[in-house]
C-alpha cells in the first residue's frame, strides 16, 4: 500500500470527508492528489494527517501489502529515500527542537523500513545526544524502544523503555 492509499483507507474508515480531514492545513485538492498517488505529502503534512487520522507517522511508512511487494518495492523505496533525504535537510538546517525531534523520529522509521537497521540505530544514539526537552526525549526513547523491539533486541528496548519513563515524570 502507498502512503496515499493508507490515508484514504483510514479517512474512509473514520467516515470523514476530504474537507473534514484537511481543515485549514492543506487544500482538499492536495489531499486528493496525495490519496491517488500523484503527489507525495511533505513531512509536515504527513505529521498533520497522522494526528487527524489517529495514527503514528510510522504507520504510513510501513509497507503492509505483502502480496504486492515486487511491484511496489521500487516506488516504496524511492518514497522512503525521499523522506530520508528531506529529514536530513531538515536536521541540517533546523534549530527548532520540535522539528528536529520529529525529523529524527521520521528518519529512524524510514531507515528501518528501508532495512538500514544499523543506520537507524546509530541515528537513535545521535538523537539522544542532543539537548532535548523532556517531552522530546520521551518521544525519541519511544521510537527507539519500538525500533529495538521490532529488531528483536529486547534488552535494549527495555533500557529505552526505562529511560522513556524517566522522561515522562
N, C-alpha and C. Protein backbone atom coordinates (compact mmCIF):
# COMPACT_ATOMS: atom_id res chain seq x y z
N UNK A 1 0.83 -1.19 0.00
CA UNK A 1 0.00 0.00 0.00
C UNK A 1 0.88 1.25 0.00
N UNK A 2 0.44 2.26 -0.69
CA UNK A 2 1.17 3.52 -0.71
C UNK A 2 0.71 4.39 0.47
N UNK A 3 1.46 5.44 0.72
CA UNK A 3 1.09 6.38 1.77
C UNK A 3 -0.31 6.93 1.50
N UNK A 4 -0.55 7.33 0.26
CA UNK A 4 -1.84 7.90 -0.10
C UNK A 4 -3.00 6.94 0.08
N UNK A 5 -2.79 5.68 -0.29
CA UNK A 5 -3.88 4.71 -0.14
C UNK A 5 -4.16 4.42 1.33
N UNK A 6 -3.12 4.48 2.16
CA UNK A 6 -3.34 4.30 3.61
C UNK A 6 -4.13 5.47 4.17
N UNK A 7 -3.80 6.67 3.71
CA UNK A 7 -4.52 7.85 4.17
C UNK A 7 -5.99 7.75 3.77
N UNK A 8 -6.25 7.40 2.50
CA UNK A 8 -7.64 7.26 2.02
C UNK A 8 -8.38 6.20 2.82
N UNK A 9 -7.74 5.05 3.02
CA UNK A 9 -8.38 3.96 3.75
C UNK A 9 -8.76 4.39 5.17
N UNK A 10 -7.85 5.03 5.87
CA UNK A 10 -8.16 5.49 7.22
C UNK A 10 -9.26 6.54 7.23
N UNK A 11 -9.21 7.46 6.29
CA UNK A 11 -10.22 8.51 6.20
C UNK A 11 -11.60 7.89 6.01
N UNK A 12 -11.70 6.91 5.11
CA UNK A 12 -12.98 6.26 4.85
C UNK A 12 -13.44 5.43 6.05
N UNK A 13 -12.50 4.77 6.73
CA UNK A 13 -12.85 4.02 7.94
C UNK A 13 -13.44 4.93 9.00
N UNK A 14 -12.91 6.13 9.09
CA UNK A 14 -13.39 7.10 10.08
C UNK A 14 -14.59 7.89 9.57
N UNK A 15 -15.04 7.56 8.35
CA UNK A 15 -16.19 8.20 7.72
C UNK A 15 -16.03 9.72 7.69
N UNK A 16 -14.84 10.16 7.27
CA UNK A 16 -14.53 11.58 7.16
C UNK A 16 -14.44 11.97 5.69
N UNK A 17 -14.90 13.17 5.39
CA UNK A 17 -14.72 13.69 4.04
C UNK A 17 -13.31 14.25 3.92
N UNK A 18 -12.87 14.47 2.70
CA UNK A 18 -11.57 15.08 2.50
C UNK A 18 -11.52 16.46 3.13
N UNK A 19 -12.58 17.22 3.02
CA UNK A 19 -12.64 18.57 3.60
C UNK A 19 -12.51 18.53 5.12
N UNK A 20 -13.12 17.52 5.75
CA UNK A 20 -13.01 17.39 7.21
C UNK A 20 -11.58 17.08 7.62
N UNK A 21 -10.89 16.27 6.84
CA UNK A 21 -9.52 15.89 7.16
C UNK A 21 -8.57 17.07 7.00
N UNK A 22 -8.70 17.81 5.92
CA UNK A 22 -7.71 18.86 5.63
C UNK A 22 -7.87 20.09 6.51
N UNK A 23 -9.07 20.39 6.96
CA UNK A 23 -9.26 21.60 7.76
C UNK A 23 -8.69 22.80 7.03
N UNK A 24 -7.90 23.59 7.71
CA UNK A 24 -7.26 24.76 7.11
C UNK A 24 -5.79 24.50 6.79
N UNK A 25 -5.35 23.25 6.96
CA UNK A 25 -3.93 22.96 6.83
C UNK A 25 -3.47 22.85 5.37
N UNK A 26 -4.18 22.03 4.59
CA UNK A 26 -3.89 21.89 3.15
C UNK A 26 -5.22 21.97 2.40
N UNK A 27 -5.14 22.01 1.09
CA UNK A 27 -6.38 22.05 0.31
C UNK A 27 -6.93 20.64 0.11
N UNK A 28 -8.22 20.58 -0.15
CA UNK A 28 -8.85 19.29 -0.43
C UNK A 28 -8.25 18.69 -1.71
N UNK A 29 -7.95 19.55 -2.67
CA UNK A 29 -7.35 19.12 -3.92
C UNK A 29 -5.99 18.44 -3.68
N UNK A 30 -5.20 19.02 -2.77
CA UNK A 30 -3.90 18.43 -2.47
C UNK A 30 -4.07 17.06 -1.82
N UNK A 31 -5.03 16.94 -0.89
CA UNK A 31 -5.28 15.64 -0.27
C UNK A 31 -5.69 14.62 -1.32
N UNK A 32 -6.51 15.03 -2.27
CA UNK A 32 -6.93 14.14 -3.35
C UNK A 32 -5.72 13.64 -4.13
N UNK A 33 -4.79 14.54 -4.44
CA UNK A 33 -3.57 14.16 -5.16
C UNK A 33 -2.71 13.20 -4.34
N UNK A 34 -2.64 13.43 -3.04
CA UNK A 34 -1.87 12.53 -2.17
C UNK A 34 -2.52 11.16 -2.15
N UNK A 35 -3.84 11.13 -1.99
CA UNK A 35 -4.55 9.86 -1.91
C UNK A 35 -4.45 9.06 -3.20
N UNK A 36 -4.46 9.72 -4.35
CA UNK A 36 -4.40 8.96 -5.60
C UNK A 36 -2.96 8.72 -6.08
N UNK A 37 -1.99 9.18 -5.31
CA UNK A 37 -0.59 8.88 -5.61
C UNK A 37 0.08 9.81 -6.60
N UNK A 38 -0.60 10.88 -7.01
CA UNK A 38 0.03 11.79 -7.96
C UNK A 38 0.88 12.85 -7.28
N UNK A 39 0.82 12.90 -5.95
CA UNK A 39 1.66 13.81 -5.18
C UNK A 39 2.03 13.15 -3.86
N UNK A 40 3.19 13.50 -3.33
CA UNK A 40 3.63 12.97 -2.04
C UNK A 40 3.48 14.06 -0.99
N UNK A 41 3.06 13.68 0.22
CA UNK A 41 2.90 14.70 1.26
C UNK A 41 4.26 15.15 1.79
N UNK A 42 4.33 16.42 2.20
CA UNK A 42 5.53 16.88 2.88
C UNK A 42 5.55 16.24 4.27
N UNK A 43 6.66 16.35 4.93
CA UNK A 43 6.77 15.78 6.28
C UNK A 43 5.76 16.44 7.21
N UNK A 44 5.64 17.76 7.14
CA UNK A 44 4.67 18.45 7.99
C UNK A 44 3.25 18.00 7.68
N UNK A 45 2.94 17.83 6.40
CA UNK A 45 1.60 17.38 6.02
C UNK A 45 1.35 15.96 6.51
N UNK A 46 2.35 15.09 6.37
CA UNK A 46 2.19 13.71 6.83
C UNK A 46 1.99 13.68 8.34
N UNK A 47 2.73 14.51 9.07
CA UNK A 47 2.56 14.58 10.51
C UNK A 47 1.14 15.06 10.85
N UNK A 48 0.67 16.10 10.17
CA UNK A 48 -0.67 16.63 10.39
C UNK A 48 -1.73 15.54 10.14
N UNK A 49 -1.62 14.86 8.99
CA UNK A 49 -2.59 13.83 8.64
C UNK A 49 -2.56 12.68 9.64
N UNK A 50 -1.38 12.34 10.12
CA UNK A 50 -1.26 11.27 11.12
C UNK A 50 -2.03 11.63 12.39
N UNK A 51 -1.91 12.88 12.82
CA UNK A 51 -2.64 13.32 14.02
C UNK A 51 -4.15 13.29 13.77
N UNK A 52 -4.58 13.84 12.65
CA UNK A 52 -6.02 13.89 12.34
C UNK A 52 -6.60 12.48 12.24
N UNK A 53 -5.84 11.57 11.66
CA UNK A 53 -6.34 10.21 11.44
C UNK A 53 -6.03 9.26 12.60
N UNK A 54 -5.32 9.77 13.61
CA UNK A 54 -5.10 8.98 14.82
C UNK A 54 -4.10 7.85 14.68
N UNK A 55 -3.10 8.02 13.86
CA UNK A 55 -2.07 7.00 13.67
C UNK A 55 -0.70 7.66 13.80
N UNK A 56 0.32 6.87 14.20
CA UNK A 56 1.67 7.43 14.20
C UNK A 56 2.18 7.57 12.77
N UNK A 57 3.10 8.49 12.56
CA UNK A 57 3.67 8.70 11.23
C UNK A 57 4.23 7.39 10.68
N UNK A 58 4.82 6.59 11.56
CA UNK A 58 5.43 5.34 11.11
C UNK A 58 4.43 4.41 10.43
N UNK A 59 3.15 4.50 10.80
CA UNK A 59 2.13 3.67 10.17
C UNK A 59 2.11 3.88 8.66
N UNK A 60 2.30 5.12 8.24
CA UNK A 60 2.23 5.44 6.81
C UNK A 60 3.51 5.05 6.08
N UNK A 61 4.60 4.82 6.82
CA UNK A 61 5.87 4.49 6.20
C UNK A 61 6.11 3.00 6.08
N UNK A 62 5.33 2.21 6.80
CA UNK A 62 5.50 0.76 6.77
C UNK A 62 4.84 0.18 5.52
N UNK A 63 5.50 -0.80 4.91
CA UNK A 63 4.94 -1.47 3.74
C UNK A 63 4.12 -2.65 4.23
N UNK A 64 2.79 -2.57 4.10
CA UNK A 64 1.93 -3.60 4.66
C UNK A 64 1.32 -4.53 3.62
N UNK A 65 1.54 -4.28 2.37
CA UNK A 65 0.92 -5.10 1.33
C UNK A 65 1.90 -6.16 0.87
N UNK A 66 1.92 -7.30 1.55
CA UNK A 66 2.88 -8.36 1.27
C UNK A 66 2.69 -8.97 -0.13
N UNK A 67 1.46 -8.99 -0.65
CA UNK A 67 1.21 -9.58 -1.97
C UNK A 67 1.77 -8.72 -3.10
N UNK A 68 1.94 -7.46 -2.85
CA UNK A 68 2.35 -6.53 -3.91
C UNK A 68 3.78 -6.02 -3.72
N UNK A 69 4.58 -6.76 -2.96
CA UNK A 69 5.94 -6.31 -2.65
C UNK A 69 6.77 -6.12 -3.91
N UNK A 70 6.70 -7.06 -4.83
CA UNK A 70 7.50 -6.95 -6.04
C UNK A 70 7.20 -5.70 -6.83
N UNK A 71 5.93 -5.38 -6.97
CA UNK A 71 5.53 -4.22 -7.77
C UNK A 71 5.75 -2.90 -7.05
N UNK A 72 5.63 -2.91 -5.72
CA UNK A 72 5.69 -1.64 -5.00
C UNK A 72 7.04 -1.35 -4.36
N UNK A 73 7.92 -2.32 -4.31
CA UNK A 73 9.18 -2.13 -3.61
C UNK A 73 9.98 -0.97 -4.17
N UNK A 74 10.08 -0.85 -5.47
CA UNK A 74 10.84 0.24 -6.05
C UNK A 74 10.27 1.60 -5.69
N UNK A 75 8.98 1.75 -5.86
CA UNK A 75 8.35 3.03 -5.53
C UNK A 75 8.40 3.30 -4.04
N UNK A 76 8.15 2.24 -3.25
CA UNK A 76 8.17 2.38 -1.80
C UNK A 76 9.57 2.80 -1.34
N UNK A 77 10.59 2.16 -1.86
CA UNK A 77 11.96 2.52 -1.51
C UNK A 77 12.28 3.94 -1.95
N UNK A 78 11.80 4.31 -3.12
CA UNK A 78 12.03 5.67 -3.62
C UNK A 78 11.38 6.68 -2.66
N UNK A 79 10.13 6.43 -2.26
CA UNK A 79 9.44 7.32 -1.33
C UNK A 79 10.19 7.41 0.00
N UNK A 80 10.61 6.27 0.52
CA UNK A 80 11.34 6.27 1.79
C UNK A 80 12.68 7.00 1.67
N UNK A 81 13.35 6.80 0.56
CA UNK A 81 14.62 7.51 0.36
C UNK A 81 14.39 9.02 0.26
N UNK A 82 13.29 9.43 -0.36
CA UNK A 82 12.95 10.85 -0.41
C UNK A 82 12.72 11.38 1.00
N UNK A 83 12.03 10.61 1.82
CA UNK A 83 11.78 11.01 3.20
C UNK A 83 13.09 11.13 3.97
N UNK A 84 13.98 10.16 3.79
CA UNK A 84 15.29 10.22 4.45
C UNK A 84 16.03 11.48 4.03
N UNK A 85 16.02 11.78 2.73
CA UNK A 85 16.70 12.97 2.22
C UNK A 85 16.10 14.25 2.79
N UNK A 86 14.77 14.32 2.83
CA UNK A 86 14.11 15.51 3.36
C UNK A 86 14.41 15.70 4.84
N UNK A 87 14.36 14.62 5.59
CA UNK A 87 14.65 14.76 7.03
C UNK A 87 16.10 15.14 7.25
N UNK A 88 16.99 14.66 6.40
CA UNK A 88 18.40 15.04 6.51
C UNK A 88 18.57 16.54 6.30
N UNK A 89 17.85 17.08 5.33
CA UNK A 89 17.90 18.54 5.09
C UNK A 89 17.33 19.31 6.28
N UNK A 90 16.22 18.82 6.82
CA UNK A 90 15.63 19.47 7.98
C UNK A 90 16.59 19.45 9.17
N UNK A 91 17.23 18.32 9.38
CA UNK A 91 18.16 18.21 10.50
C UNK A 91 19.37 19.12 10.30
N UNK A 92 19.79 19.29 9.07
CA UNK A 92 20.96 20.12 8.78
C UNK A 92 20.67 21.61 8.96
N UNK A 93 19.41 22.01 8.74
CA UNK A 93 19.11 23.44 8.72
C UNK A 93 18.20 23.92 9.85
N UNK A 94 17.57 23.03 10.57
CA UNK A 94 16.61 23.46 11.59
C UNK A 94 17.25 23.56 12.96
N UNK A 95 16.92 24.64 13.64
CA UNK A 95 17.35 24.79 15.03
C UNK A 95 16.17 24.60 15.97
N UNK A 96 14.96 24.52 15.41
CA UNK A 96 13.77 24.29 16.21
C UNK A 96 13.78 22.85 16.74
N UNK A 97 13.77 22.69 18.04
CA UNK A 97 13.93 21.35 18.63
C UNK A 97 12.75 20.43 18.34
N UNK A 98 11.56 20.97 18.26
CA UNK A 98 10.40 20.13 17.93
C UNK A 98 10.54 19.58 16.51
N UNK A 99 10.91 20.44 15.58
CA UNK A 99 11.09 20.00 14.19
C UNK A 99 12.22 18.97 14.10
N UNK A 100 13.28 19.18 14.86
CA UNK A 100 14.40 18.22 14.86
C UNK A 100 13.95 16.88 15.42
N UNK A 101 13.19 16.92 16.50
CA UNK A 101 12.71 15.68 17.12
C UNK A 101 11.84 14.89 16.15
N UNK A 102 10.90 15.58 15.51
CA UNK A 102 10.02 14.93 14.53
C UNK A 102 10.85 14.37 13.38
N UNK A 103 11.82 15.14 12.92
CA UNK A 103 12.67 14.70 11.81
C UNK A 103 13.44 13.44 12.19
N UNK A 104 13.99 13.42 13.39
CA UNK A 104 14.70 12.22 13.84
C UNK A 104 13.77 11.01 13.86
N UNK A 105 12.58 11.17 14.42
CA UNK A 105 11.65 10.05 14.52
C UNK A 105 11.27 9.52 13.14
N UNK A 106 10.95 10.43 12.23
CA UNK A 106 10.57 10.02 10.88
C UNK A 106 11.74 9.33 10.18
N UNK A 107 12.93 9.91 10.30
CA UNK A 107 14.09 9.33 9.63
C UNK A 107 14.42 7.95 10.19
N UNK A 108 14.31 7.77 11.50
CA UNK A 108 14.56 6.46 12.11
C UNK A 108 13.60 5.42 11.55
N UNK A 109 12.31 5.77 11.47
CA UNK A 109 11.32 4.83 10.92
C UNK A 109 11.58 4.55 9.44
N UNK A 110 11.93 5.57 8.67
CA UNK A 110 12.18 5.38 7.24
C UNK A 110 13.40 4.49 7.03
N UNK A 111 14.47 4.73 7.78
CA UNK A 111 15.67 3.88 7.65
C UNK A 111 15.35 2.44 8.03
N UNK A 112 14.59 2.27 9.08
CA UNK A 112 14.20 0.92 9.50
C UNK A 112 13.38 0.24 8.41
N UNK A 113 12.43 0.95 7.81
CA UNK A 113 11.60 0.38 6.74
C UNK A 113 12.42 0.05 5.50
N UNK A 114 13.49 0.80 5.27
CA UNK A 114 14.38 0.53 4.13
C UNK A 114 15.32 -0.64 4.40
N UNK A 115 15.35 -1.10 5.65
CA UNK A 115 16.25 -2.19 6.01
C UNK A 115 17.62 -1.71 6.47
N UNK A 116 17.78 -0.42 6.65
CA UNK A 116 19.05 0.17 7.10
C UNK A 116 19.05 0.22 8.62
N UNK A 117 18.95 -0.95 9.24
CA UNK A 117 18.75 -1.02 10.68
C UNK A 117 19.92 -0.47 11.48
N UNK A 118 21.13 -0.73 11.04
CA UNK A 118 22.28 -0.19 11.77
C UNK A 118 22.33 1.33 11.69
N UNK A 119 22.01 1.88 10.51
CA UNK A 119 21.96 3.34 10.36
C UNK A 119 20.90 3.94 11.28
N UNK A 120 19.77 3.27 11.39
CA UNK A 120 18.70 3.75 12.28
C UNK A 120 19.16 3.72 13.73
N UNK A 121 19.85 2.66 14.11
CA UNK A 121 20.33 2.53 15.48
C UNK A 121 21.35 3.62 15.81
N UNK A 122 22.25 3.91 14.88
CA UNK A 122 23.23 4.99 15.07
C UNK A 122 22.50 6.33 15.20
N UNK A 123 21.47 6.53 14.39
CA UNK A 123 20.71 7.77 14.43
C UNK A 123 19.99 7.94 15.77
N UNK A 124 19.49 6.86 16.34
CA UNK A 124 18.86 6.92 17.66
C UNK A 124 19.86 7.45 18.68
N UNK A 125 21.05 6.85 18.70
CA UNK A 125 22.06 7.29 19.65
C UNK A 125 22.46 8.75 19.41
N UNK A 126 22.56 9.15 18.16
CA UNK A 126 22.88 10.54 17.83
C UNK A 126 21.79 11.47 18.34
N UNK A 127 20.54 11.08 18.12
CA UNK A 127 19.41 11.91 18.55
C UNK A 127 19.42 12.11 20.06
N UNK A 128 19.77 11.06 20.78
CA UNK A 128 19.73 11.16 22.24
C UNK A 128 20.87 12.00 22.81
N UNK A 129 21.85 12.37 22.00
CA UNK A 129 22.93 13.22 22.50
C UNK A 129 22.58 14.71 22.43
N UNK A 130 21.49 15.05 21.74
CA UNK A 130 21.10 16.46 21.64
C UNK A 130 20.43 16.90 22.94
N UNK A 131 20.39 18.19 23.14
CA UNK A 131 19.80 18.78 24.36
C UNK A 131 18.29 18.95 24.17
N UNK A 132 17.57 17.86 24.38
CA UNK A 132 16.13 17.85 24.18
C UNK A 132 15.40 18.27 25.44
N UNK A 133 14.16 18.68 25.26
CA UNK A 133 13.26 18.85 26.38
C UNK A 133 12.77 17.46 26.79
N UNK A 134 12.25 17.33 28.01
CA UNK A 134 11.79 16.02 28.49
C UNK A 134 10.78 15.38 27.54
N UNK A 135 9.84 16.17 27.02
CA UNK A 135 8.81 15.63 26.12
C UNK A 135 9.45 15.05 24.86
N UNK A 136 10.44 15.73 24.33
CA UNK A 136 11.10 15.26 23.11
C UNK A 136 11.95 14.02 23.40
N UNK A 137 12.63 14.00 24.55
CA UNK A 137 13.39 12.80 24.93
C UNK A 137 12.46 11.61 25.09
N UNK A 138 11.29 11.85 25.67
CA UNK A 138 10.29 10.80 25.83
C UNK A 138 9.90 10.24 24.46
N UNK A 139 9.68 11.12 23.48
CA UNK A 139 9.28 10.71 22.14
C UNK A 139 10.40 9.92 21.44
N UNK A 140 11.63 10.43 21.51
CA UNK A 140 12.76 9.73 20.89
C UNK A 140 12.95 8.36 21.51
N UNK A 141 12.87 8.28 22.83
CA UNK A 141 13.03 6.98 23.51
C UNK A 141 11.92 6.02 23.13
N UNK A 142 10.70 6.54 22.92
CA UNK A 142 9.59 5.69 22.47
C UNK A 142 9.86 5.10 21.09
N UNK A 143 10.38 5.93 20.20
CA UNK A 143 10.74 5.44 18.86
C UNK A 143 11.85 4.42 18.97
N UNK A 144 12.85 4.71 19.80
CA UNK A 144 13.97 3.78 19.97
C UNK A 144 13.49 2.45 20.55
N UNK A 145 12.59 2.52 21.52
CA UNK A 145 12.04 1.29 22.12
C UNK A 145 11.31 0.46 21.07
N UNK A 146 10.46 1.10 20.29
CA UNK A 146 9.72 0.40 19.24
C UNK A 146 10.67 -0.22 18.22
N UNK A 147 11.67 0.55 17.83
CA UNK A 147 12.65 0.07 16.85
C UNK A 147 13.39 -1.16 17.37
N UNK A 148 13.86 -1.11 18.61
CA UNK A 148 14.60 -2.23 19.19
C UNK A 148 13.71 -3.47 19.34
N UNK A 149 12.44 -3.25 19.68
CA UNK A 149 11.50 -4.37 19.80
C UNK A 149 11.32 -5.04 18.44
N UNK A 150 11.12 -4.24 17.38
CA UNK A 150 10.98 -4.79 16.03
C UNK A 150 12.24 -5.55 15.62
N UNK A 151 13.34 -5.06 16.05
CA UNK A 151 14.64 -5.65 15.69
C UNK A 151 14.92 -6.92 16.49
N UNK A 152 14.17 -7.13 17.57
CA UNK A 152 14.38 -8.31 18.41
C UNK A 152 15.39 -8.08 19.52
N UNK A 153 15.83 -6.85 19.70
CA UNK A 153 16.79 -6.52 20.75
C UNK A 153 16.00 -6.06 21.97
N UNK A 154 15.43 -7.03 22.71
CA UNK A 154 14.53 -6.72 23.80
C UNK A 154 15.25 -6.12 25.01
N UNK A 155 16.49 -6.47 25.20
CA UNK A 155 17.26 -5.89 26.30
C UNK A 155 17.44 -4.38 26.10
N UNK A 156 17.80 -3.99 24.87
CA UNK A 156 17.96 -2.56 24.58
C UNK A 156 16.60 -1.86 24.58
N UNK A 157 15.57 -2.54 24.12
CA UNK A 157 14.22 -1.95 24.14
C UNK A 157 13.81 -1.66 25.58
N UNK A 158 14.14 -2.57 26.49
CA UNK A 158 13.83 -2.38 27.90
C UNK A 158 14.56 -1.15 28.45
N UNK A 159 15.83 -0.99 28.07
CA UNK A 159 16.60 0.18 28.52
C UNK A 159 15.95 1.48 28.04
N UNK A 160 15.55 1.50 26.77
CA UNK A 160 14.89 2.70 26.24
C UNK A 160 13.54 2.94 26.91
N UNK A 161 12.82 1.86 27.22
CA UNK A 161 11.53 1.99 27.91
C UNK A 161 11.73 2.61 29.29
N UNK A 162 12.73 2.16 30.01
CA UNK A 162 13.02 2.72 31.33
C UNK A 162 13.40 4.20 31.22
N UNK A 163 14.22 4.51 30.23
CA UNK A 163 14.64 5.89 30.02
C UNK A 163 13.43 6.75 29.64
N UNK A 164 12.55 6.20 28.80
CA UNK A 164 11.36 6.93 28.38
C UNK A 164 10.48 7.25 29.58
N UNK A 165 10.33 6.29 30.50
CA UNK A 165 9.52 6.51 31.69
C UNK A 165 10.14 7.57 32.60
N UNK A 166 11.46 7.64 32.66
CA UNK A 166 12.13 8.69 33.43
C UNK A 166 11.76 10.07 32.89
N UNK A 167 11.72 10.20 31.58
CA UNK A 167 11.41 11.48 30.97
C UNK A 167 9.93 11.82 31.03
N UNK A 168 9.10 10.83 31.32
CA UNK A 168 7.65 11.04 31.39
C UNK A 168 7.29 11.75 32.69
N UNK A 169 8.07 11.52 33.72
CA UNK A 169 7.76 12.07 35.05
C UNK A 169 7.96 13.54 35.13
